[in-house]
PDB file of all heavy atoms in Angstrom:
ATOM      1  N   ALA A   1      21.852 -46.108 -44.464  1.00  0.00           N
ATOM      2  CA  ALA A   1      20.846 -46.777 -43.644  1.00  0.00           C
ATOM      3  C   ALA A   1      21.117 -48.271 -43.546  1.00  0.00           C
ATOM      4  O   ALA A   1      20.976 -48.882 -42.478  1.00  0.00           O
ATOM      5  CB  ALA A   1      19.452 -46.531 -44.222  1.00  0.00           C
ATOM      6  N   VAL A   2      21.526 -48.885 -44.655  1.00  0.00           N
ATOM      7  CA  VAL A   2      21.808 -50.323 -44.669  1.00  0.00           C
ATOM      8  C   VAL A   2      22.970 -50.658 -43.742  1.00  0.00           C
ATOM      9  O   VAL A   2      22.948 -51.650 -43.003  1.00  0.00           O
ATOM     10  CB  VAL A   2      22.110 -50.793 -46.112  1.00  0.00           C
ATOM     11  CG1 VAL A   2      22.714 -52.188 -46.101  1.00  0.00           C
ATOM     12  CG2 VAL A   2      20.838 -50.802 -46.933  1.00  0.00           C
ATOM     13  N   ASN A   3      23.987 -49.821 -43.744  1.00  0.00           N
ATOM     14  CA  ASN A   3      25.168 -50.069 -42.917  1.00  0.00           C
ATOM     15  C   ASN A   3      24.969 -49.686 -41.450  1.00  0.00           C
ATOM     16  O   ASN A   3      25.869 -49.899 -40.631  1.00  0.00           O
ATOM     17  CB  ASN A   3      26.371 -49.292 -43.479  1.00  0.00           C
ATOM     18  CG  ASN A   3      26.782 -49.788 -44.851  1.00  0.00           C
ATOM     19  OD1 ASN A   3      26.523 -50.942 -45.209  1.00  0.00           O
ATOM     20  ND2 ASN A   3      27.416 -48.929 -45.638  1.00  0.00           N
ATOM     21  N   GLY A   4      23.816 -49.109 -41.141  1.00  0.00           N
ATOM     22  CA  GLY A   4      23.546 -48.722 -39.761  1.00  0.00           C
ATOM     23  C   GLY A   4      24.374 -47.546 -39.274  1.00  0.00           C
ATOM     24  O   GLY A   4      24.494 -47.329 -38.061  1.00  0.00           O
ATOM     25  N   GLN A   5      24.918 -46.765 -40.200  1.00  0.00           N
ATOM     26  CA  GLN A   5      25.739 -45.606 -39.827  1.00  0.00           C
ATOM     27  C   GLN A   5      24.832 -44.386 -39.620  1.00  0.00           C
ATOM     28  O   GLN A   5      24.847 -43.419 -40.391  1.00  0.00           O
ATOM     29  CB  GLN A   5      26.785 -45.328 -40.909  1.00  0.00           C
ATOM     30  CG  GLN A   5      27.766 -46.470 -41.115  1.00  0.00           C
ATOM     31  CD  GLN A   5      28.673 -46.233 -42.305  1.00  0.00           C
ATOM     32  OE1 GLN A   5      28.236 -45.844 -43.381  1.00  0.00           O
ATOM     33  NE2 GLN A   5      29.963 -46.456 -42.108  1.00  0.00           N
ATOM     34  N   TYR A   6      24.039 -44.438 -38.567  1.00  0.00           N
ATOM     35  CA  TYR A   6      23.014 -43.422 -38.381  1.00  0.00           C
ATOM     36  C   TYR A   6      23.603 -42.057 -38.049  1.00  0.00           C
ATOM     37  O   TYR A   6      23.049 -41.025 -38.435  1.00  0.00           O
ATOM     38  CB  TYR A   6      22.030 -43.862 -37.295  1.00  0.00           C
ATOM     39  CG  TYR A   6      21.267 -45.122 -37.655  1.00  0.00           C
ATOM     40  CD1 TYR A   6      20.964 -46.076 -36.702  1.00  0.00           C
ATOM     41  CD2 TYR A   6      20.858 -45.340 -38.972  1.00  0.00           C
ATOM     42  CE1 TYR A   6      20.270 -47.235 -37.039  1.00  0.00           C
ATOM     43  CE2 TYR A   6      20.163 -46.485 -39.320  1.00  0.00           C
ATOM     44  CZ  TYR A   6      19.873 -47.436 -38.348  1.00  0.00           C
ATOM     45  OH  TYR A   6      19.191 -48.579 -38.696  1.00  0.00           O
ATOM     46  N   TRP A   7      24.708 -42.034 -37.333  1.00  0.00           N
ATOM     47  CA  TRP A   7      25.309 -40.734 -37.020  1.00  0.00           C
ATOM     48  C   TRP A   7      25.834 -40.071 -38.282  1.00  0.00           C
ATOM     49  O   TRP A   7      25.746 -38.842 -38.437  1.00  0.00           O
ATOM     50  CB  TRP A   7      26.416 -40.900 -35.981  1.00  0.00           C
ATOM     51  CG  TRP A   7      27.648 -41.615 -36.486  1.00  0.00           C
ATOM     52  CD1 TRP A   7      27.856 -42.954 -36.507  1.00  0.00           C
ATOM     53  CD2 TRP A   7      28.810 -41.010 -37.046  1.00  0.00           C
ATOM     54  NE1 TRP A   7      29.091 -43.244 -37.044  1.00  0.00           N
ATOM     55  CE2 TRP A   7      29.702 -42.048 -37.378  1.00  0.00           C
ATOM     56  CE3 TRP A   7      29.202 -39.697 -37.292  1.00  0.00           C
ATOM     57  CZ2 TRP A   7      30.944 -41.825 -37.952  1.00  0.00           C
ATOM     58  CZ3 TRP A   7      30.447 -39.460 -37.864  1.00  0.00           C
ATOM     59  CH2 TRP A   7      31.301 -40.527 -38.184  1.00  0.00           C
ATOM     60  N   VAL A   8      26.344 -40.878 -39.219  1.00  0.00           N
ATOM     61  CA  VAL A   8      26.783 -40.333 -40.503  1.00  0.00           C
ATOM     62  C   VAL A   8      25.570 -39.882 -41.317  1.00  0.00           C
ATOM     63  O   VAL A   8      25.605 -38.859 -42.011  1.00  0.00           O
ATOM     64  CB  VAL A   8      27.606 -41.371 -41.290  1.00  0.00           C
ATOM     65  CG1 VAL A   8      28.077 -40.783 -42.621  1.00  0.00           C
ATOM     66  CG2 VAL A   8      28.790 -41.853 -40.475  1.00  0.00           C
ATOM     67  N   LEU A   9      24.487 -40.651 -41.209  1.00  0.00           N
ATOM     68  CA  LEU A   9      23.240 -40.294 -41.897  1.00  0.00           C
ATOM     69  C   LEU A   9      22.757 -38.914 -41.451  1.00  0.00           C
ATOM     70  O   LEU A   9      22.398 -38.066 -42.282  1.00  0.00           O
ATOM     71  CB  LEU A   9      22.178 -41.352 -41.614  1.00  0.00           C
ATOM     72  CG  LEU A   9      20.842 -41.223 -42.361  1.00  0.00           C
ATOM     73  CD1 LEU A   9      21.035 -41.516 -43.843  1.00  0.00           C
ATOM     74  CD2 LEU A   9      19.812 -42.172 -41.770  1.00  0.00           C
ATOM     75  N   PHE A  10      22.783 -38.684 -40.140  1.00  0.00           N
ATOM     76  CA  PHE A  10      22.374 -37.380 -39.616  1.00  0.00           C
ATOM     77  C   PHE A  10      23.341 -36.281 -40.062  1.00  0.00           C
ATOM     78  O   PHE A  10      22.918 -35.168 -40.395  1.00  0.00           O
ATOM     79  CB  PHE A  10      22.297 -37.427 -38.087  1.00  0.00           C
ATOM     80  CG  PHE A  10      21.014 -37.992 -37.568  1.00  0.00           C
ATOM     81  CD1 PHE A  10      20.942 -39.305 -37.118  1.00  0.00           C
ATOM     82  CD2 PHE A  10      19.866 -37.220 -37.531  1.00  0.00           C
ATOM     83  CE1 PHE A  10      19.761 -39.827 -36.638  1.00  0.00           C
ATOM     84  CE2 PHE A  10      18.675 -37.733 -37.051  1.00  0.00           C
ATOM     85  CZ  PHE A  10      18.621 -39.039 -36.597  1.00  0.00           C
ATOM     86  N   LEU A  11      24.625 -36.595 -40.054  1.00  0.00           N
ATOM     87  CA  LEU A  11      25.633 -35.603 -40.426  1.00  0.00           C
ATOM     88  C   LEU A  11      25.490 -35.198 -41.891  1.00  0.00           C
ATOM     89  O   LEU A  11      25.541 -34.014 -42.230  1.00  0.00           O
ATOM     90  CB  LEU A  11      27.029 -36.164 -40.162  1.00  0.00           C
ATOM     91  CG  LEU A  11      28.196 -35.177 -40.242  1.00  0.00           C
ATOM     92  CD1 LEU A  11      28.038 -34.079 -39.208  1.00  0.00           C
ATOM     93  CD2 LEU A  11      29.519 -35.907 -40.054  1.00  0.00           C
ATOM     94  N   VAL A  12      25.302 -36.204 -42.760  1.00  0.00           N
ATOM     95  CA  VAL A  12      25.124 -35.918 -44.188  1.00  0.00           C
ATOM     96  C   VAL A  12      23.818 -35.152 -44.411  1.00  0.00           C
ATOM     97  O   VAL A  12      23.762 -34.195 -45.200  1.00  0.00           O
ATOM     98  CB  VAL A  12      25.132 -37.224 -45.004  1.00  0.00           C
ATOM     99  CG1 VAL A  12      24.774 -36.951 -46.465  1.00  0.00           C
ATOM    100  CG2 VAL A  12      26.506 -37.884 -44.928  1.00  0.00           C
ATOM    101  N   GLY A  13      22.752 -35.564 -43.704  1.00  0.00           N
ATOM    102  CA  GLY A  13      21.484 -34.852 -43.820  1.00  0.00           C
ATOM    103  C   GLY A  13      21.596 -33.408 -43.383  1.00  0.00           C
ATOM    104  O   GLY A  13      21.044 -32.501 -44.018  1.00  0.00           O
ATOM    105  N   LEU A  14      22.331 -33.167 -42.306  1.00  0.00           N
ATOM    106  CA  LEU A  14      22.566 -31.804 -41.833  1.00  0.00           C
ATOM    107  C   LEU A  14      23.318 -30.993 -42.887  1.00  0.00           C
ATOM    108  O   LEU A  14      22.990 -29.823 -43.150  1.00  0.00           O
ATOM    109  CB  LEU A  14      23.351 -31.844 -40.525  1.00  0.00           C
ATOM    110  CG  LEU A  14      23.560 -30.517 -39.800  1.00  0.00           C
ATOM    111  CD1 LEU A  14      22.245 -29.992 -39.256  1.00  0.00           C
ATOM    112  CD2 LEU A  14      24.564 -30.683 -38.662  1.00  0.00           C
ATOM    113  N   GLY A  15      24.321 -31.619 -43.495  1.00  0.00           N
ATOM    114  CA  GLY A  15      25.072 -30.942 -44.549  1.00  0.00           C
ATOM    115  C   GLY A  15      24.219 -30.626 -45.763  1.00  0.00           C
ATOM    116  O   GLY A  15      24.299 -29.524 -46.326  1.00  0.00           O
ATOM    117  N   PHE A  16      23.377 -31.586 -46.171  1.00  0.00           N
ATOM    118  CA  PHE A  16      22.465 -31.345 -47.285  1.00  0.00           C
ATOM    119  C   PHE A  16      21.559 -30.156 -46.994  1.00  0.00           C
ATOM    120  O   PHE A  16      21.308 -29.312 -47.867  1.00  0.00           O
ATOM    121  CB  PHE A  16      21.610 -32.592 -47.545  1.00  0.00           C
ATOM    122  CG  PHE A  16      22.239 -33.561 -48.501  1.00  0.00           C
ATOM    123  CD1 PHE A  16      21.624 -34.771 -48.799  1.00  0.00           C
ATOM    124  CD2 PHE A  16      23.431 -33.282 -49.130  1.00  0.00           C
ATOM    125  CE1 PHE A  16      22.193 -35.675 -49.677  1.00  0.00           C
ATOM    126  CE2 PHE A  16      24.017 -34.167 -50.016  1.00  0.00           C
ATOM    127  CZ  PHE A  16      23.393 -35.369 -50.292  1.00  0.00           C
ATOM    128  N   GLY A  17      21.044 -30.094 -45.761  1.00  0.00           N
ATOM    129  CA  GLY A  17      20.160 -29.002 -45.404  1.00  0.00           C
ATOM    130  C   GLY A  17      20.838 -27.645 -45.469  1.00  0.00           C
ATOM    131  O   GLY A  17      20.247 -26.655 -45.906  1.00  0.00           O
ATOM    132  N   LEU A  18      22.094 -27.593 -45.054  1.00  0.00           N
ATOM    133  CA  LEU A  18      22.825 -26.327 -45.035  1.00  0.00           C
ATOM    134  C   LEU A  18      23.187 -25.841 -46.433  1.00  0.00           C
ATOM    135  O   LEU A  18      23.141 -24.639 -46.709  1.00  0.00           O
ATOM    136  CB  LEU A  18      24.096 -26.467 -44.185  1.00  0.00           C
ATOM    137  CG  LEU A  18      23.898 -26.596 -42.668  1.00  0.00           C
ATOM    138  CD1 LEU A  18      25.221 -26.895 -41.976  1.00  0.00           C
ATOM    139  CD2 LEU A  18      23.287 -25.320 -42.092  1.00  0.00           C
ATOM    140  N   VAL A  19      23.573 -26.770 -47.320  1.00  0.00           N
ATOM    141  CA  VAL A  19      24.058 -26.350 -48.640  1.00  0.00           C
ATOM    142  C   VAL A  19      22.937 -26.232 -49.667  1.00  0.00           C
ATOM    143  O   VAL A  19      23.133 -25.615 -50.721  1.00  0.00           O
ATOM    144  CB  VAL A  19      25.131 -27.334 -49.167  1.00  0.00           C
ATOM    145  CG1 VAL A  19      26.297 -27.422 -48.203  1.00  0.00           C
ATOM    146  CG2 VAL A  19      24.548 -28.727 -49.422  1.00  0.00           C
ATOM    147  N   THR A  20      21.756 -26.801 -49.382  1.00  0.00           N
ATOM    148  CA  THR A  20      20.670 -26.751 -50.349  1.00  0.00           C
ATOM    149  C   THR A  20      20.158 -25.329 -50.533  1.00  0.00           C
ATOM    150  O   THR A  20      19.869 -24.903 -51.659  1.00  0.00           O
ATOM    151  CB  THR A  20      19.513 -27.670 -49.911  1.00  0.00           C
ATOM    152  OG1 THR A  20      19.955 -29.025 -49.918  1.00  0.00           O
ATOM    153  CG2 THR A  20      18.332 -27.539 -50.858  1.00  0.00           C
ATOM    154  N   ILE A  21      20.040 -24.580 -49.445  1.00  0.00           N
ATOM    155  CA  ILE A  21      19.479 -23.229 -49.524  1.00  0.00           C
ATOM    156  C   ILE A  21      20.330 -22.297 -50.381  1.00  0.00           C
ATOM    157  O   ILE A  21      19.805 -21.613 -51.278  1.00  0.00           O
ATOM    158  CB  ILE A  21      19.267 -22.668 -48.110  1.00  0.00           C
ATOM    159  CG1 ILE A  21      18.117 -23.388 -47.421  1.00  0.00           C
ATOM    160  CG2 ILE A  21      18.985 -21.169 -48.160  1.00  0.00           C
ATOM    161  CD1 ILE A  21      16.792 -23.299 -48.141  1.00  0.00           C
ATOM    162  N   PRO A  22      21.648 -22.208 -50.180  1.00  0.00           N
ATOM    163  CA  PRO A  22      22.438 -21.330 -51.060  1.00  0.00           C
ATOM    164  C   PRO A  22      22.399 -21.766 -52.524  1.00  0.00           C
ATOM    165  O   PRO A  22      22.621 -20.942 -53.419  1.00  0.00           O
ATOM    166  CB  PRO A  22      23.867 -21.456 -50.501  1.00  0.00           C
ATOM    167  CG  PRO A  22      23.679 -21.875 -49.082  1.00  0.00           C
ATOM    168  CD  PRO A  22      22.482 -22.759 -49.092  1.00  0.00           C
ATOM    169  N   ALA A  23      22.127 -23.054 -52.774  1.00  0.00           N
ATOM    170  CA  ALA A  23      22.085 -23.553 -54.151  1.00  0.00           C
ATOM    171  C   ALA A  23      20.712 -23.408 -54.792  1.00  0.00           C
ATOM    172  O   ALA A  23      20.567 -23.658 -55.986  1.00  0.00           O
ATOM    173  CB  ALA A  23      22.509 -25.025 -54.183  1.00  0.00           C
ATOM    174  N   GLU A  24      19.703 -23.009 -54.017  1.00  0.00           N
ATOM    175  CA  GLU A  24      18.337 -22.882 -54.533  1.00  0.00           C
ATOM    176  C   GLU A  24      18.170 -21.530 -55.223  1.00  0.00           C
ATOM    177  O   GLU A  24      18.255 -20.483 -54.579  1.00  0.00           O
ATOM    178  CB  GLU A  24      17.337 -23.013 -53.381  1.00  0.00           C
ATOM    179  CG  GLU A  24      15.892 -22.800 -53.765  1.00  0.00           C
ATOM    180  CD  GLU A  24      15.393 -23.849 -54.745  1.00  0.00           C
ATOM    181  OE1 GLU A  24      15.375 -25.034 -54.384  1.00  0.00           O
ATOM    182  OE2 GLU A  24      15.024 -23.448 -55.880  1.00  0.00           O
ATOM    183  N   PRO A  25      17.913 -21.509 -56.543  1.00  0.00           N
ATOM    184  CA  PRO A  25      17.781 -20.220 -57.255  1.00  0.00           C
ATOM    185  C   PRO A  25      16.657 -19.349 -56.700  1.00  0.00           C
ATOM    186  O   PRO A  25      16.790 -18.129 -56.622  1.00  0.00           O
ATOM    187  CB  PRO A  25      17.499 -20.655 -58.700  1.00  0.00           C
ATOM    188  CG  PRO A  25      18.006 -22.053 -58.800  1.00  0.00           C
ATOM    189  CD  PRO A  25      17.806 -22.665 -57.444  1.00  0.00           C
ATOM    190  N   SER A  26      15.543 -19.969 -56.319  1.00  0.00           N
ATOM    191  CA  SER A  26      14.402 -19.198 -55.838  1.00  0.00           C
ATOM    192  C   SER A  26      14.718 -18.449 -54.556  1.00  0.00           C
ATOM    193  O   SER A  26      14.172 -17.369 -54.297  1.00  0.00           O
ATOM    194  CB  SER A  26      13.211 -20.134 -55.600  1.00  0.00           C
ATOM    195  OG  SER A  26      12.861 -20.812 -56.776  1.00  0.00           O
ATOM    196  N   VAL A  27      15.598 -19.009 -53.725  1.00  0.00           N
ATOM    197  CA  VAL A  27      15.971 -18.353 -52.474  1.00  0.00           C
ATOM    198  C   VAL A  27      16.690 -17.036 -52.763  1.00  0.00           C
ATOM    199  O   VAL A  27      16.451 -16.020 -52.107  1.00  0.00           O
ATOM    200  CB  VAL A  27      16.857 -19.282 -51.618  1.00  0.00           C
ATOM    201  CG1 VAL A  27      17.432 -18.526 -50.429  1.00  0.00           C
ATOM    202  CG2 VAL A  27      16.057 -20.475 -51.141  1.00  0.00           C
ATOM    203  N   HIS A  28      17.565 -17.044 -53.754  1.00  0.00           N
ATOM    204  CA  HIS A  28      18.290 -15.818 -54.103  1.00  0.00           C
ATOM    205  C   HIS A  28      17.323 -14.746 -54.607  1.00  0.00           C
ATOM    206  O   HIS A  28      17.478 -13.557 -54.294  1.00  0.00           O
ATOM    207  CB  HIS A  28      19.342 -16.118 -55.171  1.00  0.00           C
ATOM    208  CG  HIS A  28      20.496 -16.929 -54.673  1.00  0.00           C
ATOM    209  ND1 HIS A  28      21.618 -16.359 -54.114  1.00  0.00           N
ATOM    210  CD2 HIS A  28      20.696 -18.273 -54.625  1.00  0.00           C
ATOM    211  CE1 HIS A  28      22.465 -17.312 -53.760  1.00  0.00           C
ATOM    212  NE2 HIS A  28      21.930 -18.485 -54.055  1.00  0.00           N
ATOM    213  N   ILE A  29      16.320 -15.163 -55.368  1.00  0.00           N
ATOM    214  CA  ILE A  29      15.332 -14.200 -55.874  1.00  0.00           C
ATOM    215  C   ILE A  29      14.573 -13.569 -54.711  1.00  0.00           C
ATOM    216  O   ILE A  29      14.399 -12.348 -54.641  1.00  0.00           O
ATOM    217  CB  ILE A  29      14.359 -14.900 -56.841  1.00  0.00           C
ATOM    218  CG1 ILE A  29      15.110 -15.390 -58.082  1.00  0.00           C
ATOM    219  CG2 ILE A  29      13.238 -13.948 -57.255  1.00  0.00           C
ATOM    220  CD1 ILE A  29      14.283 -16.259 -58.995  1.00  0.00           C
ATOM    221  N   LEU A  30      14.127 -14.412 -53.769  1.00  0.00           N
ATOM    222  CA  LEU A  30      13.354 -13.901 -52.637  1.00  0.00           C
ATOM    223  C   LEU A  30      14.202 -13.006 -51.732  1.00  0.00           C
ATOM    224  O   LEU A  30      13.775 -11.912 -51.358  1.00  0.00           O
ATOM    225  CB  LEU A  30      12.785 -15.066 -51.832  1.00  0.00           C
ATOM    226  CG  LEU A  30      12.015 -14.670 -50.564  1.00  0.00           C
ATOM    227  CD1 LEU A  30      10.782 -13.855 -50.918  1.00  0.00           C
ATOM    228  CD2 LEU A  30      11.627 -15.908 -49.758  1.00  0.00           C
ATOM    229  N   THR A  31      15.401 -13.463 -51.375  1.00  0.00           N
ATOM    230  CA  THR A  31      16.229 -12.678 -50.447  1.00  0.00           C
ATOM    231  C   THR A  31      16.647 -11.344 -51.055  1.00  0.00           C
ATOM    232  O   THR A  31      16.703 -10.327 -50.346  1.00  0.00           O
ATOM    233  CB  THR A  31      17.475 -13.478 -50.033  1.00  0.00           C
ATOM    234  OG1 THR A  31      18.190 -13.906 -51.211  1.00  0.00           O
ATOM    235  CG2 THR A  31      17.095 -14.697 -49.217  1.00  0.00           C
ATOM    236  N   GLN A  32      16.903 -11.334 -52.347  1.00  0.00           N
ATOM    237  CA  GLN A  32      17.251 -10.069 -52.995  1.00  0.00           C
ATOM    238  C   GLN A  32      16.067  -9.112 -53.009  1.00  0.00           C
ATOM    239  O   GLN A  32      16.228  -7.896 -52.806  1.00  0.00           O
ATOM    240  CB  GLN A  32      17.745 -10.333 -54.421  1.00  0.00           C
ATOM    241  CG  GLN A  32      19.124 -10.975 -54.474  1.00  0.00           C
ATOM    242  CD  GLN A  32      19.497 -11.439 -55.866  1.00  0.00           C
ATOM    243  OE1 GLN A  32      18.799 -11.161 -56.844  1.00  0.00           O
ATOM    244  NE2 GLN A  32      20.595 -12.183 -55.974  1.00  0.00           N
ATOM    245  N   GLN A  33      14.865  -9.647 -53.219  1.00  0.00           N
ATOM    246  CA  GLN A  33      13.686  -8.786 -53.196  1.00  0.00           C
ATOM    247  C   GLN A  33      13.423  -8.272 -51.782  1.00  0.00           C
ATOM    248  O   GLN A  33      13.006  -7.122 -51.606  1.00  0.00           O
ATOM    249  CB  GLN A  33      12.454  -9.533 -53.710  1.00  0.00           C
ATOM    250  CG  GLN A  33      11.200  -8.661 -53.685  1.00  0.00           C
ATOM    251  CD  GLN A  33      10.098  -9.190 -54.567  1.00  0.00           C
ATOM    252  OE1 GLN A  33      10.339  -9.920 -55.523  1.00  0.00           O
ATOM    253  NE2 GLN A  33       8.873  -8.838 -54.242  1.00  0.00           N
ATOM    254  N   ILE A  34      13.666  -9.117 -50.778  1.00  0.00           N
ATOM    255  CA  ILE A  34      13.485  -8.679 -49.391  1.00  0.00           C
ATOM    256  C   ILE A  34      14.403  -7.499 -49.088  1.00  0.00           C
ATOM    257  O   ILE A  34      13.975  -6.481 -48.538  1.00  0.00           O
ATOM    258  CB  ILE A  34      13.759  -9.844 -48.415  1.00  0.00           C
ATOM    259  CG1 ILE A  34      12.655 -10.900 -48.525  1.00  0.00           C
ATOM    260  CG2 ILE A  34      13.848  -9.337 -46.975  1.00  0.00           C
ATOM    261  CD1 ILE A  34      12.950 -12.167 -47.759  1.00  0.00           C
ATOM    262  N   GLU A  35      15.671  -7.628 -49.456  1.00  0.00           N
ATOM    263  CA  GLU A  35      16.632  -6.547 -49.199  1.00  0.00           C
ATOM    264  C   GLU A  35      16.276  -5.296 -49.988  1.00  0.00           C
ATOM    265  O   GLU A  35      16.398  -4.171 -49.483  1.00  0.00           O
ATOM    266  CB  GLU A  35      18.048  -7.004 -49.542  1.00  0.00           C
ATOM    267  CG  GLU A  35      19.112  -5.969 -49.213  1.00  0.00           C
ATOM    268  CD  GLU A  35      20.518  -6.543 -49.269  1.00  0.00           C
ATOM    269  OE1 GLU A  35      20.673  -7.779 -49.176  1.00  0.00           O
ATOM    270  OE2 GLU A  35      21.463  -5.741 -49.402  1.00  0.00           O
ATOM    271  N   SER A  36      15.793  -5.484 -51.219  1.00  0.00           N
ATOM    272  CA  SER A  36      15.440  -4.341 -52.054  1.00  0.00           C
ATOM    273  C   SER A  36      14.199  -3.630 -51.526  1.00  0.00           C
ATOM    274  O   SER A  36      14.168  -2.397 -51.426  1.00  0.00           O
ATOM    275  CB  SER A  36      15.200  -4.810 -53.494  1.00  0.00           C
ATOM    276  OG  SER A  36      14.727  -3.753 -54.301  1.00  0.00           O
ATOM    277  N   GLU A  37      13.159  -4.393 -51.185  1.00  0.00           N
ATOM    278  CA  GLU A  37      11.896  -3.802 -50.730  1.00  0.00           C
ATOM    279  C   GLU A  37      12.050  -3.106 -49.381  1.00  0.00           C
ATOM    280  O   GLU A  37      11.310  -2.172 -49.073  1.00  0.00           O
ATOM    281  CB  GLU A  37      10.813  -4.877 -50.640  1.00  0.00           C
ATOM    282  CG  GLU A  37      10.377  -5.453 -51.976  1.00  0.00           C
ATOM    283  CD  GLU A  37       9.492  -4.494 -52.750  1.00  0.00           C
ATOM    284  OE1 GLU A  37       8.958  -3.549 -52.149  1.00  0.00           O
ATOM    285  OE2 GLU A  37       9.351  -4.681 -53.977  1.00  0.00           O
ATOM    286  N   THR A  38      12.971  -3.592 -48.552  1.00  0.00           N
ATOM    287  CA  THR A  38      13.158  -2.996 -47.221  1.00  0.00           C
ATOM    288  C   THR A  38      14.311  -1.996 -47.183  1.00  0.00           C
ATOM    289  O   THR A  38      14.749  -1.607 -46.098  1.00  0.00           O
ATOM    290  CB  THR A  38      13.412  -4.101 -46.181  1.00  0.00           C
ATOM    291  OG1 THR A  38      14.597  -4.831 -46.525  1.00  0.00           O
ATOM    292  CG2 THR A  38      12.231  -5.056 -46.102  1.00  0.00           C
ATOM    293  N   ALA A  39      14.794  -1.604 -48.357  1.00  0.00           N
ATOM    294  CA  ALA A  39      15.878  -0.623 -48.472  1.00  0.00           C
ATOM    295  C   ALA A  39      17.117  -1.037 -47.688  1.00  0.00           C
ATOM    296  O   ALA A  39      17.821  -0.210 -47.119  1.00  0.00           O
ATOM    297  CB  ALA A  39      15.403   0.750 -48.001  1.00  0.00           C
ATOM    298  N   GLY A  40      17.373  -2.346 -47.659  1.00  0.00           N
ATOM    299  CA  GLY A  40      18.588  -2.852 -47.028  1.00  0.00           C
ATOM    300  C   GLY A  40      18.503  -3.058 -45.535  1.00  0.00           C
ATOM    301  O   GLY A  40      19.486  -3.504 -44.924  1.00  0.00           O
ATOM    302  N   SER A  41      17.350  -2.760 -44.913  1.00  0.00           N
ATOM    303  CA  SER A  41      17.255  -2.937 -43.467  1.00  0.00           C
ATOM    304  C   SER A  41      17.213  -4.423 -43.074  1.00  0.00           C
ATOM    305  O   SER A  41      17.609  -4.790 -41.965  1.00  0.00           O
ATOM    306  CB  SER A  41      16.005  -2.233 -42.928  1.00  0.00           C
ATOM    307  OG  SER A  41      14.836  -2.745 -43.527  1.00  0.00           O
ATOM    308  N   ILE A  42      16.731  -5.272 -43.975  1.00  0.00           N
ATOM    309  CA  ILE A  42      16.758  -6.724 -43.755  1.00  0.00           C
ATOM    310  C   ILE A  42      17.707  -7.304 -44.796  1.00  0.00           C
ATOM    311  O   ILE A  42      17.385  -7.359 -45.985  1.00  0.00           O
ATOM    312  CB  ILE A  42      15.354  -7.353 -43.889  1.00  0.00           C
ATOM    313  CG1 ILE A  42      14.381  -6.691 -42.926  1.00  0.00           C
ATOM    314  CG2 ILE A  42      15.417  -8.854 -43.630  1.00  0.00           C
ATOM    315  CD1 ILE A  42      12.949  -7.178 -43.075  1.00  0.00           C
ATOM    316  N   LYS A  43      18.872  -7.732 -44.360  1.00  0.00           N
ATOM    317  CA  LYS A  43      19.919  -8.170 -45.276  1.00  0.00           C
ATOM    318  C   LYS A  43      19.604  -9.545 -45.872  1.00  0.00           C
ATOM    319  O   LYS A  43      19.122 -10.440 -45.185  1.00  0.00           O
ATOM    320  CB  LYS A  43      21.262  -8.222 -44.555  1.00  0.00           C
ATOM    321  CG  LYS A  43      21.733  -6.874 -44.012  1.00  0.00           C
ATOM    322  CD  LYS A  43      21.951  -5.879 -45.141  1.00  0.00           C
ATOM    323  CE  LYS A  43      22.494  -4.556 -44.601  1.00  0.00           C
ATOM    324  NZ  LYS A  43      22.652  -3.550 -45.689  1.00  0.00           N
ATOM    325  N   ALA A  44      19.914  -9.694 -47.166  1.00  0.00           N
ATOM    326  CA  ALA A  44      19.669 -10.952 -47.865  1.00  0.00           C
ATOM    327  C   ALA A  44      20.486 -12.086 -47.258  1.00  0.00           C
ATOM    328  O   ALA A  44      19.984 -13.206 -47.103  1.00  0.00           O
ATOM    329  CB  ALA A  44      20.000 -10.792 -49.353  1.00  0.00           C
ATOM    330  N   LEU A  45      21.736 -11.817 -46.901  1.00  0.00           N
ATOM    331  CA  LEU A  45      22.600 -12.854 -46.341  1.00  0.00           C
ATOM    332  C   LEU A  45      22.059 -13.362 -45.013  1.00  0.00           C
ATOM    333  O   LEU A  45      22.094 -14.564 -44.738  1.00  0.00           O
ATOM    334  CB  LEU A  45      24.020 -12.319 -46.166  1.00  0.00           C
ATOM    335  CG  LEU A  45      25.052 -13.296 -45.604  1.00  0.00           C
ATOM    336  CD1 LEU A  45      25.181 -14.513 -46.514  1.00  0.00           C
ATOM    337  CD2 LEU A  45      26.404 -12.621 -45.409  1.00  0.00           C
TER     338      LEU A  45
END
């Protein structure tokens, strides 16, 4: 922000958003339960 590199700021923010979900333990718990409860019709991935 100080350097005024706003396009890089958006790019890094976009990257953070994409990689945060696979790294979130709670997401894996929820997606696995979704796939299990729906007998695989809704895939965790």
